[in-house]
């Protein structure tokens, strides 16, 4: 199995944790959303989609989706949304899948209000009709929750990024659009991969309320060493203080 196939399998296997009662899902809302979103896409000249976590498939993408990239409807008539999925740069696709799992873990820790107040923003490369990679900016936010407060339908909005400088970096961030606060997702994702065993151990003790001196005694290391580790996990998590570090780490599932 290729690395890409493996990552995609991990992503869809993660989606299997969401268990829905079909009787609680009112699919009559979907045509209503589609009518409104098709109009939105035409006015804003943006690509709009609806992803169903229950069915694990894209229920809708706007008719002008391909025009953003110069494609004709006949190019993707048979393969539907899978056509565009196959045009994402392979390296970016891997990162997007990994980030997708992490952000869903993060959203799972949110209250219902927080789920509705946040959006996940990605910037990545996709192949256009001229066989050239261009940068797109895509925003995902919750469109519908089920009765248990689980994410059910996700709204996706795609535009051409104003930044078309050549870059092999996927840019991802989570925005609370009520407060304007951003979570620097790249820094948090890096921390998830790079936090050392000792840093994680100290972070968990900080969560339990231990002070640096108490951690020093408990682990038989100097206070200076404890504070050095604390400073390192602050930097890796992109946090300003221990409270922020604990909040970011909790939302990323590092303290489970």
Protein backbone atom coordinates (compact mmCIF):
# COMPACT_ATOMS: atom_id res chain seq x y z
CA UNK A 1 0.00 0.00 0.00
CA UNK A 2 1.36 3.45 -0.94
CA UNK A 3 1.91 6.12 1.70
CA UNK A 4 -0.91 8.20 0.21
CA UNK A 5 -3.35 5.28 0.25
CA UNK A 6 -2.33 4.52 3.83
CA UNK A 7 -2.95 8.10 4.99
CA UNK A 8 -6.29 8.27 3.19
CA UNK A 9 -7.29 4.99 4.82
CA UNK A 10 -6.36 6.39 8.25
CA UNK A 11 -8.53 9.46 7.59
CA UNK A 12 -11.60 7.49 6.53
CA UNK A 13 -11.06 4.94 9.30
CA UNK A 14 -11.08 7.86 11.75
CA UNK A 15 -14.44 8.96 10.33
CA UNK A 16 -15.83 5.54 11.31
CA UNK A 17 -15.82 6.64 14.96
CA UNK A 18 -18.78 8.90 14.23
CA UNK A 19 -21.90 6.85 14.86
CA UNK A 20 -25.21 8.33 13.74
CA UNK A 21 -28.85 7.43 14.26
CA UNK A 22 -30.23 7.68 10.72
CA UNK A 23 -33.64 8.61 12.11
CA UNK A 24 -32.15 11.73 13.69
CA UNK A 25 -30.67 13.02 10.41
CA UNK A 26 -33.07 15.20 8.47
CA UNK A 27 -31.81 14.96 4.88
CA UNK A 28 -34.63 17.22 3.69
CA UNK A 29 -32.39 20.15 4.72
CA UNK A 30 -29.81 19.23 2.07
CA UNK A 31 -31.76 20.47 -1.03
CA UNK A 32 -32.49 23.72 0.84
CA UNK A 33 -28.79 24.20 1.57
CA UNK A 34 -27.88 23.33 -2.02
CA UNK A 35 -30.25 25.96 -3.46
CA UNK A 36 -28.78 28.67 -1.23
CA UNK A 37 -25.17 27.58 -1.77
CA UNK A 38 -25.51 27.39 -5.56
CA UNK A 39 -26.64 31.03 -5.53
CA UNK A 40 -23.76 31.93 -3.19
CA UNK A 41 -21.24 30.27 -5.50
CA UNK A 42 -22.55 32.17 -8.53
CA UNK A 43 -22.51 35.53 -6.76
CA UNK A 44 -19.08 35.04 -5.22
CA UNK A 45 -17.58 33.05 -8.09
CA UNK A 46 -16.36 30.46 -5.61
CA UNK A 47 -16.48 26.68 -5.47
CA UNK A 48 -18.87 25.39 -2.81
CA UNK A 49 -19.32 21.84 -1.52
CA UNK A 50 -21.12 19.85 1.18
CA UNK A 51 -19.40 16.85 2.77
CA UNK A 52 -21.50 14.29 4.67
CA UNK A 53 -19.55 12.59 7.48
CA UNK A 54 -22.35 10.04 7.95
CA UNK A 55 -22.15 8.86 4.32
CA UNK A 56 -18.47 9.82 4.03
CA UNK A 57 -19.04 11.40 0.66
CA UNK A 58 -19.45 14.77 -1.03
CA UNK A 59 -23.19 15.40 -1.48
CA UNK A 60 -22.84 18.56 -3.55
CA UNK A 61 -20.31 20.73 -5.33
CA UNK A 62 -21.29 23.87 -7.22
CA UNK A 63 -21.59 23.86 -10.99
CA UNK A 64 -18.81 26.44 -11.34
CA UNK A 65 -16.30 24.41 -9.31
CA UNK A 66 -14.25 23.41 -12.34
CA UNK A 67 -14.31 26.88 -13.90
CA UNK A 68 -11.99 28.11 -11.16
CA UNK A 69 -9.34 25.81 -12.61
CA UNK A 70 -10.24 26.19 -16.29
CA UNK A 71 -11.93 22.80 -16.67
CA UNK A 72 -15.05 22.13 -18.70
CA UNK A 73 -18.04 20.29 -17.17
CA UNK A 74 -17.39 17.45 -19.61
CA UNK A 75 -13.97 16.94 -17.99
CA UNK A 76 -15.49 15.85 -14.69
CA UNK A 77 -19.01 14.74 -15.66
CA UNK A 78 -18.33 11.02 -15.10
CA UNK A 79 -15.98 11.11 -12.09
CA UNK A 80 -17.78 13.96 -10.29
CA UNK A 81 -15.96 15.42 -7.25
CA UNK A 82 -13.35 12.63 -7.35
CA UNK A 83 -11.94 14.39 -10.43
CA UNK A 84 -10.85 17.36 -8.30
CA UNK A 85 -9.64 15.19 -5.46
CA UNK A 86 -7.26 13.56 -7.94
CA UNK A 87 -5.86 16.96 -8.99
CA UNK A 88 -4.52 17.87 -5.53
CA UNK A 89 -0.73 17.77 -5.38
CA UNK A 90 0.22 14.32 -3.92
CA UNK A 91 2.43 15.79 -1.19
CA UNK A 92 -0.25 18.30 -0.18
CA UNK A 93 -2.89 15.57 -0.16
CA UNK A 94 -0.96 13.64 2.49
CA UNK A 95 -0.61 16.71 4.69
CA UNK A 96 -4.27 17.65 4.25
CA UNK A 97 -5.38 14.15 5.29
CA UNK A 98 -3.20 14.25 8.42
CA UNK A 99 -4.40 17.75 9.27
CA UNK A 100 -7.98 16.63 8.68
CA UNK A 101 -7.69 13.94 11.36
CA UNK A 102 -6.08 16.36 13.81
CA UNK A 103 -8.65 19.10 13.29
CA UNK A 104 -11.54 16.65 13.74
CA UNK A 105 -9.96 15.55 17.02
CA UNK A 106 -9.80 19.22 17.97
CA UNK A 107 -13.44 19.84 17.04
CA UNK A 108 -14.48 16.79 19.07
CA UNK A 109 -13.27 18.61 22.21
CA UNK A 110 -15.30 21.74 21.39
CA UNK A 111 -18.69 22.59 22.85
CA UNK A 112 -21.59 22.84 20.40
CA UNK A 113 -21.19 26.62 20.32
CA UNK A 114 -17.45 26.33 19.65
CA UNK A 115 -18.04 23.87 16.80
CA UNK A 116 -20.36 26.37 15.14
CA UNK A 117 -17.98 29.30 15.72
CA UNK A 118 -14.82 27.83 14.19
CA UNK A 119 -13.66 27.21 10.64
CA UNK A 120 -10.70 25.21 9.31
CA UNK A 121 -8.70 27.01 6.61
CA UNK A 122 -6.26 25.31 4.21
CA UNK A 123 -4.07 26.66 1.43
CA UNK A 124 -2.70 24.03 -0.97
CA UNK A 125 -1.84 23.22 -4.59
CA UNK A 126 -4.15 21.82 -7.27
CA UNK A 127 -3.52 21.11 -10.95
CA UNK A 128 -5.44 23.35 -13.35
CA UNK A 129 -6.54 22.73 -16.94
CA UNK A 130 -3.20 24.12 -18.20
CA UNK A 131 -1.41 21.37 -16.27
CA UNK A 132 0.03 23.87 -13.81
CA UNK A 133 -0.26 23.77 -10.03
CA UNK A 134 -1.99 26.81 -8.57
CA UNK A 135 -2.65 27.60 -4.94
CA UNK A 136 -6.22 27.38 -3.62
CA UNK A 137 -7.60 28.55 -0.31
CA UNK A 138 -10.33 26.36 1.17
CA UNK A 139 -12.49 26.96 4.24
CA UNK A 140 -14.48 24.29 6.06
CA UNK A 141 -17.08 24.95 8.71
CA UNK A 142 -19.94 23.04 10.29
CA UNK A 143 -23.19 23.24 8.34
CA UNK A 144 -25.25 20.80 10.43
CA UNK A 145 -24.83 18.90 13.70
CA UNK A 146 -26.81 15.82 14.66
CA UNK A 147 -28.98 15.72 17.80
CA UNK A 148 -25.99 14.55 19.88
CA UNK A 149 -23.95 17.54 18.81
CA UNK A 150 -21.71 15.56 16.46
CA UNK A 151 -20.49 17.17 13.23
CA UNK A 152 -22.68 15.85 10.42
CA UNK A 153 -22.50 18.13 7.35
CA UNK A 154 -19.47 20.28 6.52
CA UNK A 155 -19.56 23.31 4.22
CA UNK A 156 -16.52 23.85 2.01
CA UNK A 157 -15.74 27.09 0.16
CA UNK A 158 -12.83 27.22 -2.31
CA UNK A 159 -11.22 30.22 -4.00
CA UNK A 160 -8.02 30.90 -5.91
CA UNK A 161 -5.48 32.06 -3.32
CA UNK A 162 -4.22 35.65 -3.75
CA UNK A 163 -0.75 34.28 -2.93
CA UNK A 164 0.50 32.43 -6.01
CA UNK A 165 4.21 32.44 -5.11
CA UNK A 166 5.71 28.98 -5.62
CA UNK A 167 5.64 27.07 -2.34
CA UNK A 168 5.47 23.42 -1.32
CA UNK A 169 3.95 24.29 2.06
CA UNK A 170 0.37 23.53 3.05
CA UNK A 171 -0.89 26.37 5.23
CA UNK A 172 -3.54 25.37 7.78
CA UNK A 173 -5.17 27.24 10.61
CA UNK A 174 -8.30 27.17 12.73
CA UNK A 175 -10.21 30.45 13.10
CA UNK A 176 -12.82 31.42 15.67
CA UNK A 177 -14.77 33.78 13.41
CA UNK A 178 -16.73 35.18 16.36
CA UNK A 179 -13.64 36.41 18.21
CA UNK A 180 -11.11 36.62 15.36
CA UNK A 181 -8.66 34.37 17.24
CA UNK A 182 -6.49 31.96 15.24
CA UNK A 183 -4.94 28.66 16.32
CA UNK A 184 -1.63 28.31 14.48
CA UNK A 185 -2.26 24.84 13.18
CA UNK A 186 1.15 24.30 11.58
CA UNK A 187 2.90 24.91 14.89
CA UNK A 188 0.45 22.68 16.75
CA UNK A 189 0.73 19.92 14.14
CA UNK A 190 4.53 20.09 14.37
CA UNK A 191 4.32 19.84 18.15
CA UNK A 192 2.16 16.72 17.89
CA UNK A 193 4.96 15.07 15.93
CA UNK A 194 7.94 16.50 17.79
CA UNK A 195 7.00 16.81 21.48
CA UNK A 196 9.50 14.66 23.37
CA UNK A 197 8.55 12.07 25.97
CA UNK A 198 9.98 14.25 28.77
CA UNK A 199 8.22 17.40 27.52
CA UNK A 200 4.93 15.52 27.36
CA UNK A 201 5.53 14.10 30.85
CA UNK A 202 6.12 17.58 32.28
CA UNK A 203 3.14 19.02 30.39
CA UNK A 204 0.88 16.39 31.94
CA UNK A 205 2.23 17.21 35.42
CA UNK A 206 1.56 20.91 34.79
CA UNK A 207 -2.01 19.93 33.90
CA UNK A 208 -2.27 18.13 37.26
CA UNK A 209 -1.29 21.37 39.02
CA UNK A 210 2.34 20.66 39.89
CA UNK A 211 4.74 23.62 40.11
CA UNK A 212 8.25 23.52 38.61
CA UNK A 213 9.86 22.80 42.00
CA UNK A 214 7.42 19.95 42.67
CA UNK A 215 8.03 18.51 39.19
CA UNK A 216 11.77 18.79 39.84
CA UNK A 217 11.46 16.71 43.01
CA UNK A 218 9.07 14.20 41.44
CA UNK A 219 11.28 13.53 38.40
CA UNK A 220 14.63 13.99 40.20
CA UNK A 221 15.81 16.68 37.79
CA UNK A 222 16.80 20.29 38.38
CA UNK A 223 14.30 23.15 38.34
CA UNK A 224 16.37 24.68 35.52
CA UNK A 225 15.85 21.51 33.42
CA UNK A 226 12.12 21.56 34.14
CA UNK A 227 11.84 25.18 33.05
CA UNK A 228 13.89 24.49 29.92
CA UNK A 229 11.45 21.72 28.92
CA UNK A 230 8.52 24.01 29.70
CA UNK A 231 9.91 26.71 27.45
CA UNK A 232 10.45 24.20 24.65
CA UNK A 233 6.89 22.88 24.66
CA UNK A 234 5.58 26.46 24.71
CA UNK A 235 7.57 27.19 21.55
CA UNK A 236 6.48 23.97 19.82
CA UNK A 237 2.81 24.56 20.63
CA UNK A 238 2.99 28.22 19.63
CA UNK A 239 1.63 29.12 23.08
CA UNK A 240 2.34 32.23 25.18
CA UNK A 241 1.91 30.54 28.55
CA UNK A 242 1.19 27.20 30.21
CA UNK A 243 -2.59 27.68 30.16
CA UNK A 244 -2.53 28.20 26.38
CA UNK A 245 -0.19 25.22 25.98
CA UNK A 246 -2.58 22.99 27.93
CA UNK A 247 -5.55 24.20 25.91
CA UNK A 248 -3.83 23.61 22.56
CA UNK A 249 -2.43 20.24 23.64
CA UNK A 250 -5.84 19.12 24.92
CA UNK A 251 -7.58 20.10 21.67
CA UNK A 252 -4.98 18.13 19.71
CA UNK A 253 -5.40 15.05 21.88
CA UNK A 254 -1.82 15.14 23.20
CA UNK A 255 -2.94 14.68 26.79
CA UNK A 256 -5.22 11.66 26.20
